[in-house]
Amino acid sequence: MKTYSSKIVSCIAYFGLLFSLSCNDLFEVEESNREIGGVYLNGDLTWDEQIKVSDEDVILQTTAQLLSSLVDVDVVKEVKRGVEKSRSYGLDEEIRFIEILQPQNTKVNKFAGNNLLTGKLKECIRNVNKNSLVSAQFTGDEMESFLCNNNVQIYWPYLENWDGKEIPVISYSNYDNEDDDVSDVVAYRRIKDISGKYELESFIINEEYAMNHPVWIISKNEFEYNNLPDFNNGEFKKNGIIFAQETTDETNSIKSDSPNEVSLRAGSNLFFLKTLQVTTNHDNWINGGSEFEFHWASLYSTTVIRYCISRSDINKGKKFTLYYALNTNWTWEQQSNALLIIETDANWGDNYWYYTIHWRDDYNFFSSSRHIYHNQFDDFIHGGVYWRDIITSNGYIESFFSDGVRWTMNF
């Protein structure tokens, strides 16, 4: 497990001296020791401590500082619209930098005309070497390439709490996903001193602060952008994964695993995921909400449904209505199907969940041992085998609760 010592956290704060606050002028940047969210920052460092920051950390930090220098209310509203669009597609409170810097290739957000943030950010990146008090070890082109090709995002926790006026403070994170111990991060904001000159203020924030004030975190999303469907063009399935969306239709329309997302009427052989409610956060607040995958294995195929729930909705215990088909034709000869639920984490490492599936014909009974692959650091929520006869005898609906996750399934 990777952790950051207090010295390294202070080191990150020291590198707040890195950038000027205007893309046209070079201002002196000063750090201020502040007590925010109950945490105090000490800026006294040795030289050895100052250099313990990786190149990747520096790029993420540089991005946080650049955004701090250019953001205004109009830019914040623009990012808010982008994050809300991501949430409408079942993603987290996020907007990827590839969507900002290369809007012509976007899968999630379609910006009308020239958006403000694209132009402002591109200009600052282009002049990154000219405006740095400590010379950056990368060019503007290298920085833009890194942001676009490494799944870097703006993550905005508790977006719904924004009052429409306050400018976000901007932080960054490059923590390992399995590290749940880090609760405090350095954030930046632009302030004016008594002479009217702009300064970059750095201070420590935590989740309590983010609940009450807007915070953007520059971080790497563990899910590859290339593996997202092209939502803008009506695609909601990619590489065998269905990206679910909340529905308000609670009548007879079930989204099925088909190329055209055909709606089916509920019938005796159609088994579907009805509701999902989560009351426990499964990741550090810095790393975002909880992203779940339901792997439903029938005799003939496996259906995978993915859905992300934000920290705010988890804290409120919000119940989501999904209505996605798990098995469109669960006939009597398929005696059992199996379900694996995981909360996805780092996209590497191999792990397998093993199960036995059962079926029959008019004369014989059969069984087969099988497995479902998932990543090594995924959080295991639930794994079980479901018998058709038992579910139908229980009234054609099943409700379950495991590890802070409650879900219902229905014929």
Protein backbone atom coordinates (compact mmCIF):
# COMPACT_ATOMS: atom_id res chain seq x y z
CA MET A 1 0.00 0.00 0.00
CA LYS A 2 1.38 3.39 -1.01
CA THR A 3 1.22 6.21 1.49
CA TYR A 4 2.48 9.77 1.56
CA SER A 5 4.39 10.94 4.62
CA SER A 6 3.70 14.36 6.10
CA LYS A 7 7.06 15.51 4.74
CA ILE A 8 6.10 14.61 1.21
CA VAL A 9 2.72 16.28 1.59
CA SER A 10 4.54 19.40 2.69
CA CYS A 11 6.89 18.96 -0.24
CA ILE A 12 3.97 19.00 -2.63
CA ALA A 13 2.79 22.23 -1.06
CA TYR A 14 6.24 23.74 -1.48
CA PHE A 15 6.05 23.18 -5.19
CA GLY A 16 3.18 25.68 -5.17
CA LEU A 17 6.01 28.13 -5.88
CA LEU A 18 6.16 26.63 -9.34
CA PHE A 19 3.87 28.83 -11.40
CA SER A 20 2.84 32.38 -12.12
CA LEU A 21 -0.83 33.18 -12.12
CA SER A 22 -1.25 34.77 -15.52
CA CYS A 23 -0.58 33.41 -18.96
CA ASN A 24 0.76 36.82 -20.01
CA ASP A 25 2.60 38.08 -16.95
CA LEU A 26 4.94 36.51 -14.46
CA PHE A 27 3.99 37.19 -10.89
CA GLU A 28 5.79 36.17 -7.75
CA VAL A 29 3.92 33.35 -6.05
CA GLU A 30 3.89 33.04 -2.29
CA GLU A 31 2.60 30.23 -0.11
CA SER A 32 0.43 30.97 2.87
CA ASN A 33 0.22 28.65 5.85
CA ARG A 34 -3.50 28.21 6.39
CA GLU A 35 -5.72 26.18 8.64
CA ILE A 36 -8.53 24.81 6.49
CA GLY A 37 -10.82 21.93 7.41
CA GLY A 38 -8.97 21.47 10.69
CA VAL A 39 -5.57 20.73 9.08
CA TYR A 40 -2.48 22.92 9.30
CA LEU A 41 0.23 23.10 6.64
CA ASN A 42 3.89 23.47 7.57
CA GLY A 43 6.03 24.78 4.70
CA ASP A 44 9.54 24.30 6.19
CA LEU A 45 11.46 21.84 3.97
CA THR A 46 14.96 20.72 3.22
CA TRP A 47 16.17 20.56 -0.37
CA ASP A 48 16.07 16.75 -0.35
CA GLU A 49 12.41 16.89 0.61
CA GLN A 50 11.64 19.43 -2.10
CA ILE A 51 12.71 17.14 -4.95
CA LYS A 52 10.76 14.01 -3.95
CA VAL A 53 8.03 14.54 -6.52
CA SER A 54 7.74 12.39 -9.64
CA ASP A 55 7.43 13.83 -13.15
CA GLU A 56 3.83 12.65 -13.28
CA ASP A 57 3.05 14.39 -10.00
CA VAL A 58 4.57 17.59 -11.35
CA ILE A 59 2.40 17.53 -14.47
CA LEU A 60 -0.75 16.95 -12.45
CA GLN A 61 0.24 19.66 -10.00
CA THR A 62 1.14 22.03 -12.82
CA THR A 63 -2.33 21.51 -14.28
CA ALA A 64 -3.96 22.30 -10.94
CA GLN A 65 -1.95 25.50 -10.67
CA LEU A 66 -2.67 26.58 -14.25
CA LEU A 67 -6.40 26.07 -13.75
CA SER A 68 -6.22 28.08 -10.52
CA SER A 69 -4.86 30.98 -12.54
CA LEU A 70 -7.55 31.06 -15.22
CA VAL A 71 -10.82 29.81 -13.76
CA ASP A 72 -13.77 32.19 -13.40
CA VAL A 73 -17.50 31.72 -12.89
CA ASP A 74 -18.19 31.24 -16.61
CA VAL A 75 -15.54 28.52 -16.84
CA VAL A 76 -16.93 26.88 -13.70
CA LYS A 77 -20.42 26.81 -15.22
CA GLU A 78 -18.97 25.22 -18.36
CA VAL A 79 -17.24 22.48 -16.36
CA LYS A 80 -20.42 21.96 -14.34
CA ARG A 81 -22.39 21.26 -17.51
CA GLY A 82 -19.76 18.76 -18.61
CA VAL A 83 -19.74 16.95 -15.28
CA GLU A 84 -23.54 16.80 -15.23
CA LYS A 85 -23.49 15.25 -18.70
CA SER A 86 -21.07 12.59 -17.45
CA ARG A 87 -23.40 11.80 -14.55
CA SER A 88 -26.37 11.47 -16.90
CA TYR A 89 -24.48 8.66 -18.67
CA GLY A 90 -23.84 6.76 -15.45
CA LEU A 91 -20.25 8.03 -15.02
CA ASP A 92 -18.75 9.80 -12.02
CA GLU A 93 -18.61 13.56 -11.33
CA GLU A 94 -15.88 13.99 -13.93
CA ILE A 95 -14.83 15.54 -17.20
CA ARG A 96 -11.79 14.24 -19.07
CA PHE A 97 -9.11 16.60 -20.36
CA ILE A 98 -9.28 14.93 -23.78
CA GLU A 99 -12.84 16.27 -23.95
CA ILE A 100 -11.63 19.76 -23.06
CA LEU A 101 -8.49 19.92 -25.21
CA GLN A 102 -9.78 17.87 -28.17
CA PRO A 103 -13.53 18.67 -28.20
CA GLN A 104 -13.84 17.53 -31.80
CA ASN A 105 -13.29 13.93 -30.64
CA THR A 106 -15.53 13.93 -27.59
CA LYS A 107 -17.62 10.91 -26.62
CA VAL A 108 -19.46 12.46 -23.69
CA ASN A 109 -19.72 16.24 -24.05
CA LYS A 110 -20.67 18.21 -27.13
CA PHE A 111 -19.64 21.80 -26.58
CA ALA A 112 -21.57 24.37 -28.55
CA GLY A 113 -19.06 26.45 -30.52
CA ASN A 114 -15.75 27.42 -28.92
CA ASN A 115 -15.75 26.75 -25.20
CA LEU A 116 -13.94 29.09 -22.86
CA LEU A 117 -11.86 26.55 -21.00
CA THR A 118 -10.39 24.98 -24.13
CA GLY A 119 -8.98 28.26 -25.38
CA LYS A 120 -7.71 29.48 -22.02
CA LEU A 121 -6.12 26.17 -21.05
CA LYS A 122 -4.46 25.64 -24.42
CA GLU A 123 -2.85 29.09 -24.19
CA CYS A 124 -1.49 28.43 -20.70
CA ILE A 125 -0.16 25.02 -21.67
CA ARG A 126 1.48 26.44 -24.77
CA ASN A 127 3.38 28.95 -22.61
CA VAL A 128 4.09 26.67 -19.68
CA ASN A 129 7.87 27.04 -19.92
CA LYS A 130 7.79 30.82 -20.22
CA ASN A 131 5.64 31.36 -17.17
CA SER A 132 7.28 28.97 -14.74
CA LEU A 133 9.35 30.29 -11.85
CA VAL A 134 10.96 26.86 -11.63
CA SER A 135 11.62 25.64 -15.16
CA ALA A 136 9.26 22.84 -16.14
CA GLN A 137 10.90 19.63 -17.34
CA PHE A 138 8.41 19.21 -20.18
CA THR A 139 7.09 21.21 -23.11
CA GLY A 140 3.55 22.41 -23.62
CA ASP A 141 3.02 19.75 -26.30
CA GLU A 142 4.23 17.05 -23.92
CA MET A 143 1.92 18.30 -21.20
CA GLU A 144 -1.12 18.37 -23.49
CA SER A 145 -0.30 14.91 -24.79
CA PHE A 146 -0.04 13.56 -21.25
CA LEU A 147 -3.38 15.06 -20.20
CA CYS A 148 -5.18 13.70 -23.26
CA ASN A 149 -3.59 10.24 -23.43
CA ASN A 150 -3.45 9.25 -19.77
CA ASN A 151 -7.11 9.52 -18.75
CA VAL A 152 -6.54 12.70 -16.74
CA GLN A 153 -9.73 14.33 -15.52
CA ILE A 154 -11.26 17.09 -13.46
CA TYR A 155 -13.13 15.36 -10.64
CA TRP A 156 -15.68 17.54 -8.83
CA PRO A 157 -16.99 15.86 -5.68
CA TYR A 158 -20.29 17.10 -4.28
CA LEU A 159 -21.02 19.13 -7.41
CA GLU A 160 -24.67 19.54 -6.45
CA ASN A 161 -23.68 21.63 -3.42
CA TRP A 162 -22.19 24.43 -5.53
CA ASP A 163 -23.87 27.80 -4.88
CA GLY A 164 -23.23 29.09 -8.42
CA LYS A 165 -20.80 31.76 -7.23
CA GLU A 166 -17.81 30.43 -5.28
CA ILE A 167 -14.72 29.66 -7.39
CA PRO A 168 -13.37 26.13 -6.82
CA VAL A 169 -10.05 25.50 -5.18
CA ILE A 170 -8.03 23.06 -7.26
CA SER A 171 -6.05 20.09 -6.02
CA TYR A 172 -4.46 17.05 -7.60
CA SER A 173 -3.97 13.41 -6.74
CA ASN A 174 -1.74 10.61 -7.96
CA TYR A 175 -2.40 8.19 -5.15
CA ASP A 176 -2.67 4.44 -5.64
CA ASN A 177 -6.30 3.35 -5.72
CA GLU A 178 -5.82 0.87 -2.86
CA ASP A 179 -4.58 3.62 -0.53
CA ASP A 180 -7.60 4.52 1.60
CA ASP A 181 -5.63 6.26 4.33
CA VAL A 182 -4.95 9.59 2.62
CA SER A 183 -7.61 12.12 3.58
CA ASP A 184 -5.80 15.47 3.20
CA VAL A 185 -4.51 17.05 -0.01
CA VAL A 186 -2.98 20.35 -1.03
CA ALA A 187 -5.23 22.75 -2.94
CA TYR A 188 -4.57 26.04 -4.74
CA ARG A 189 -6.51 29.22 -5.30
CA ARG A 190 -5.76 32.69 -6.63
CA ILE A 191 -5.91 35.60 -4.20
CA LYS A 192 -5.02 39.30 -4.22
CA ASP A 193 -2.59 40.73 -1.74
CA ILE A 194 -2.98 44.17 -0.19
CA SER A 195 -1.14 45.75 -3.12
CA GLY A 196 -3.55 44.26 -5.63
CA LYS A 197 -1.05 41.70 -6.95
CA TYR A 198 -2.25 38.15 -7.53
CA GLU A 199 -0.74 35.33 -5.52
CA LEU A 200 -1.18 31.57 -5.49
CA GLU A 201 -2.30 30.38 -2.08
CA SER A 202 -1.82 26.74 -1.13
CA PHE A 203 -3.46 25.01 1.82
CA ILE A 204 -4.70 21.64 2.99
CA ILE A 205 -8.26 20.46 2.38
CA ASN A 206 -10.20 17.33 3.29
CA GLU A 207 -13.56 15.79 2.46
CA GLU A 208 -15.42 17.93 4.96
CA TYR A 209 -14.12 21.01 3.18
CA ALA A 210 -15.17 19.57 -0.21
CA MET A 211 -18.70 19.01 1.05
CA ASN A 212 -19.09 22.70 1.80
CA HIS A 213 -16.93 24.37 -0.88
CA PRO A 214 -16.32 23.61 -4.57
CA VAL A 215 -13.20 21.50 -5.12
CA TRP A 216 -11.69 20.24 -8.37
CA ILE A 217 -9.22 17.38 -8.18
CA ILE A 218 -6.89 16.76 -11.11
CA SER A 219 -6.37 13.01 -11.21
CA LYS A 220 -6.09 9.98 -13.46
CA ASN A 221 -9.27 8.00 -14.08
CA GLU A 222 -8.62 4.27 -13.75
CA PHE A 223 -11.04 3.51 -16.60
CA GLU A 224 -9.53 3.94 -20.06
CA TYR A 225 -11.19 6.61 -22.19
CA ASN A 226 -10.85 4.35 -25.22
CA ASN A 227 -13.09 1.81 -23.47
CA LEU A 228 -15.98 4.27 -23.06
CA PRO A 229 -18.85 4.02 -25.55
CA ASP A 230 -19.52 6.92 -27.90
CA PHE A 231 -22.44 8.27 -25.87
CA ASN A 232 -22.82 11.27 -28.16
CA ASN A 233 -23.78 8.95 -31.00
CA GLY A 234 -26.15 6.78 -29.00
CA GLU A 235 -23.70 4.02 -28.07
CA PHE A 236 -24.09 2.57 -24.57
CA LYS A 237 -22.20 -0.71 -24.83
CA LYS A 238 -18.48 -1.21 -25.37
CA ASN A 239 -16.30 -4.32 -25.12
CA GLY A 240 -19.20 -6.33 -23.75
CA ILE A 241 -20.02 -3.84 -20.96
CA ILE A 242 -23.40 -2.09 -20.80
CA PHE A 243 -23.14 1.41 -19.30
CA ALA A 244 -26.39 1.80 -17.41
CA GLN A 245 -28.39 4.98 -16.94
CA GLU A 246 -31.01 5.75 -14.36
CA THR A 247 -34.56 5.53 -15.66
CA THR A 248 -37.84 7.01 -14.50
CA ASP A 249 -39.84 4.45 -16.48
CA GLU A 250 -41.18 1.96 -13.94
CA THR A 251 -43.87 0.43 -16.15
CA ASN A 252 -42.89 -2.24 -18.66
CA SER A 253 -39.83 -0.96 -20.51
CA ILE A 254 -36.71 -3.03 -19.89
CA LYS A 255 -33.39 -2.22 -21.54
CA SER A 256 -31.91 -5.38 -22.97
CA ASP A 257 -28.45 -6.48 -24.02
CA SER A 258 -28.93 -6.02 -27.74
CA PRO A 259 -27.15 -3.98 -30.44
CA ASN A 260 -29.98 -1.46 -30.65
CA GLU A 261 -30.85 -1.39 -26.92
CA VAL A 262 -34.33 -2.70 -27.78
CA SER A 263 -36.94 -2.35 -25.05
CA LEU A 264 -38.79 -5.52 -24.07
CA ARG A 265 -41.97 -6.10 -22.13
CA ALA A 266 -41.51 -7.90 -18.86
CA GLY A 267 -42.50 -11.53 -19.20
CA SER A 268 -42.17 -14.78 -17.32
CA ASN A 269 -38.70 -15.53 -18.78
CA LEU A 270 -37.23 -12.03 -18.66
CA PHE A 271 -35.11 -11.46 -15.55
CA PHE A 272 -33.79 -7.96 -14.89
CA LEU A 273 -31.92 -5.71 -12.47
CA LYS A 274 -34.52 -3.36 -11.05
CA THR A 275 -33.03 -1.09 -8.36
CA LEU A 276 -29.63 -0.32 -6.85
CA GLN A 277 -28.91 1.47 -3.58
CA VAL A 278 -25.49 1.97 -1.96
CA THR A 279 -24.92 3.26 1.58
CA THR A 280 -21.16 2.68 1.96
CA ASN A 281 -18.38 4.45 0.07
CA HIS A 282 -15.89 1.94 -1.26
CA ASP A 283 -13.11 4.36 -2.26
CA ASN A 284 -11.18 7.23 -0.73
CA TRP A 285 -12.96 10.55 -1.33
CA ILE A 286 -10.03 11.71 -3.46
CA ASN A 287 -10.63 8.82 -5.85
CA GLY A 288 -14.29 9.49 -6.47
CA GLY A 289 -17.56 7.62 -6.19
CA SER A 290 -18.08 3.87 -6.38
CA GLU A 291 -18.22 2.13 -9.76
CA PHE A 292 -20.05 -1.18 -9.76
CA GLU A 293 -20.18 -4.00 -12.26
CA PHE A 294 -22.87 -6.69 -12.24
CA HIS A 295 -21.69 -9.84 -14.04
CA TRP A 296 -24.71 -12.09 -14.67
CA ALA A 297 -23.78 -15.52 -16.06
CA SER A 298 -26.43 -17.64 -17.74
CA LEU A 299 -25.98 -20.97 -19.46
CA TYR A 300 -25.23 -19.29 -22.79
CA SER A 301 -23.63 -15.91 -22.09
CA THR A 302 -22.58 -13.33 -19.49
CA THR A 303 -24.16 -9.88 -19.24
CA VAL A 304 -22.07 -7.09 -17.67
CA ILE A 305 -23.78 -3.91 -16.42
CA ARG A 306 -21.70 -1.00 -15.12
CA TYR A 307 -22.94 1.95 -13.07
CA CYS A 308 -21.24 4.62 -10.93
CA ILE A 309 -22.79 6.20 -7.85
CA SER A 310 -21.41 9.51 -6.57
CA ARG A 311 -20.31 10.00 -2.99
CA SER A 312 -23.15 12.44 -2.40
CA ASP A 313 -25.76 9.91 -3.54
CA ILE A 314 -24.12 7.20 -1.42
CA ASN A 315 -24.18 9.42 1.65
CA LYS A 316 -27.88 10.09 1.06
CA GLY A 317 -28.64 6.43 0.39
CA LYS A 318 -30.37 7.29 -2.88
CA LYS A 319 -32.14 4.41 -4.61
CA PHE A 320 -31.64 4.19 -8.39
CA THR A 321 -34.11 2.55 -10.77
CA LEU A 322 -32.21 0.91 -13.63
CA TYR A 323 -34.39 -1.74 -15.34
CA TYR A 324 -31.66 -3.59 -17.27
CA ALA A 325 -32.13 -7.16 -18.51
CA LEU A 326 -29.82 -9.74 -16.93
CA ASN A 327 -31.26 -12.71 -18.81
CA THR A 328 -33.79 -12.02 -21.56
CA ASN A 329 -34.94 -15.64 -21.71
CA TRP A 330 -34.37 -17.54 -18.45
CA THR A 331 -36.21 -20.70 -19.35
CA TRP A 332 -36.95 -23.65 -17.08
CA GLU A 333 -34.07 -25.80 -18.38
CA GLN A 334 -31.57 -23.22 -17.05
CA GLN A 335 -31.85 -24.29 -13.45
CA SER A 336 -29.38 -21.75 -12.14
CA ASN A 337 -27.62 -18.55 -13.16
CA ALA A 338 -24.79 -16.82 -11.28
CA LEU A 339 -24.05 -13.24 -10.23
CA LEU A 340 -20.79 -11.50 -9.36
CA ILE A 341 -20.84 -7.88 -8.11
CA ILE A 342 -17.60 -5.94 -7.84
CA GLU A 343 -16.66 -2.35 -7.12
CA THR A 344 -13.97 -1.75 -9.72
CA ASP A 345 -10.55 -0.39 -8.85
CA ALA A 346 -7.13 -0.35 -10.54
CA ASN A 347 -7.31 -1.76 -14.06
CA TRP A 348 -4.56 -4.37 -13.71
CA GLY A 349 -3.82 -7.71 -12.11
CA ASP A 350 -5.72 -10.97 -12.59
CA ASN A 351 -8.37 -12.46 -10.36
CA TYR A 352 -11.10 -15.04 -10.93
CA TRP A 353 -14.41 -15.85 -9.31
CA TYR A 354 -15.45 -19.49 -9.68
CA TYR A 355 -19.00 -20.78 -9.72
CA THR A 356 -21.05 -23.79 -10.85
CA ILE A 357 -23.99 -23.46 -13.20
CA HIS A 358 -26.77 -26.08 -13.57
CA TRP A 359 -29.19 -27.04 -16.35
CA ARG A 360 -31.40 -29.92 -17.44
CA ASP A 361 -33.32 -31.44 -20.27
CA ASP A 362 -36.35 -33.75 -20.14
CA TYR A 363 -34.29 -36.63 -18.82
CA ASN A 364 -30.98 -35.51 -17.31
CA PHE A 365 -29.35 -32.94 -15.03
CA PHE A 366 -26.02 -31.26 -15.82
CA SER A 367 -23.54 -28.91 -14.13
CA SER A 368 -20.42 -27.08 -15.19
CA SER A 369 -17.69 -25.22 -13.26
CA ARG A 370 -16.90 -21.82 -14.75
CA HIS A 371 -15.22 -18.55 -13.80
CA ILE A 372 -15.51 -14.80 -14.29
CA TYR A 373 -12.38 -12.70 -14.71
CA HIS A 374 -11.93 -9.38 -12.92
CA ASN A 375 -9.07 -7.15 -11.77
CA GLN A 376 -6.90 -7.95 -8.78
CA PHE A 377 -7.78 -4.89 -6.70
CA ASP A 378 -11.53 -4.86 -7.36
CA ASP A 379 -13.62 -4.89 -4.19
CA PHE A 380 -15.62 -8.10 -3.98
CA ILE A 381 -19.21 -7.24 -3.07
CA HIS A 382 -21.15 -10.42 -3.73
CA GLY A 383 -20.99 -13.72 -5.57
CA GLY A 384 -23.81 -16.22 -5.67
CA VAL A 385 -25.72 -18.84 -7.64
CA TYR A 386 -29.45 -18.23 -8.15
CA TRP A 387 -32.00 -21.00 -8.71
CA ARG A 388 -34.90 -20.18 -10.98
CA ASP A 389 -37.43 -22.33 -9.12
CA ILE A 390 -36.63 -20.69 -5.79
CA ILE A 391 -36.97 -17.16 -7.20
CA THR A 392 -40.30 -17.90 -8.86
CA SER A 393 -41.61 -19.55 -5.70
CA ASN A 394 -40.65 -16.41 -3.76
CA GLY A 395 -42.91 -14.23 -5.89
CA TYR A 396 -40.64 -13.54 -8.87
CA ILE A 397 -38.55 -10.89 -7.11
CA GLU A 398 -35.37 -11.04 -5.07
CA SER A 399 -33.90 -8.33 -2.82
CA PHE A 400 -30.37 -8.57 -1.45
CA PHE A 401 -27.97 -6.60 0.75
CA SER A 402 -24.19 -7.06 0.95
CA ASP A 403 -21.32 -4.77 2.01
CA GLY A 404 -23.39 -1.59 1.88
CA VAL A 405 -25.00 -2.49 -1.46
CA ARG A 406 -28.70 -3.29 -1.83
CA TRP A 407 -30.21 -4.43 -5.13
CA THR A 408 -33.43 -5.97 -6.37
CA MET A 409 -33.94 -8.33 -9.33
CA ASN A 410 -37.24 -9.23 -10.91
CA PHE A 411 -38.98 -11.51 -13.38
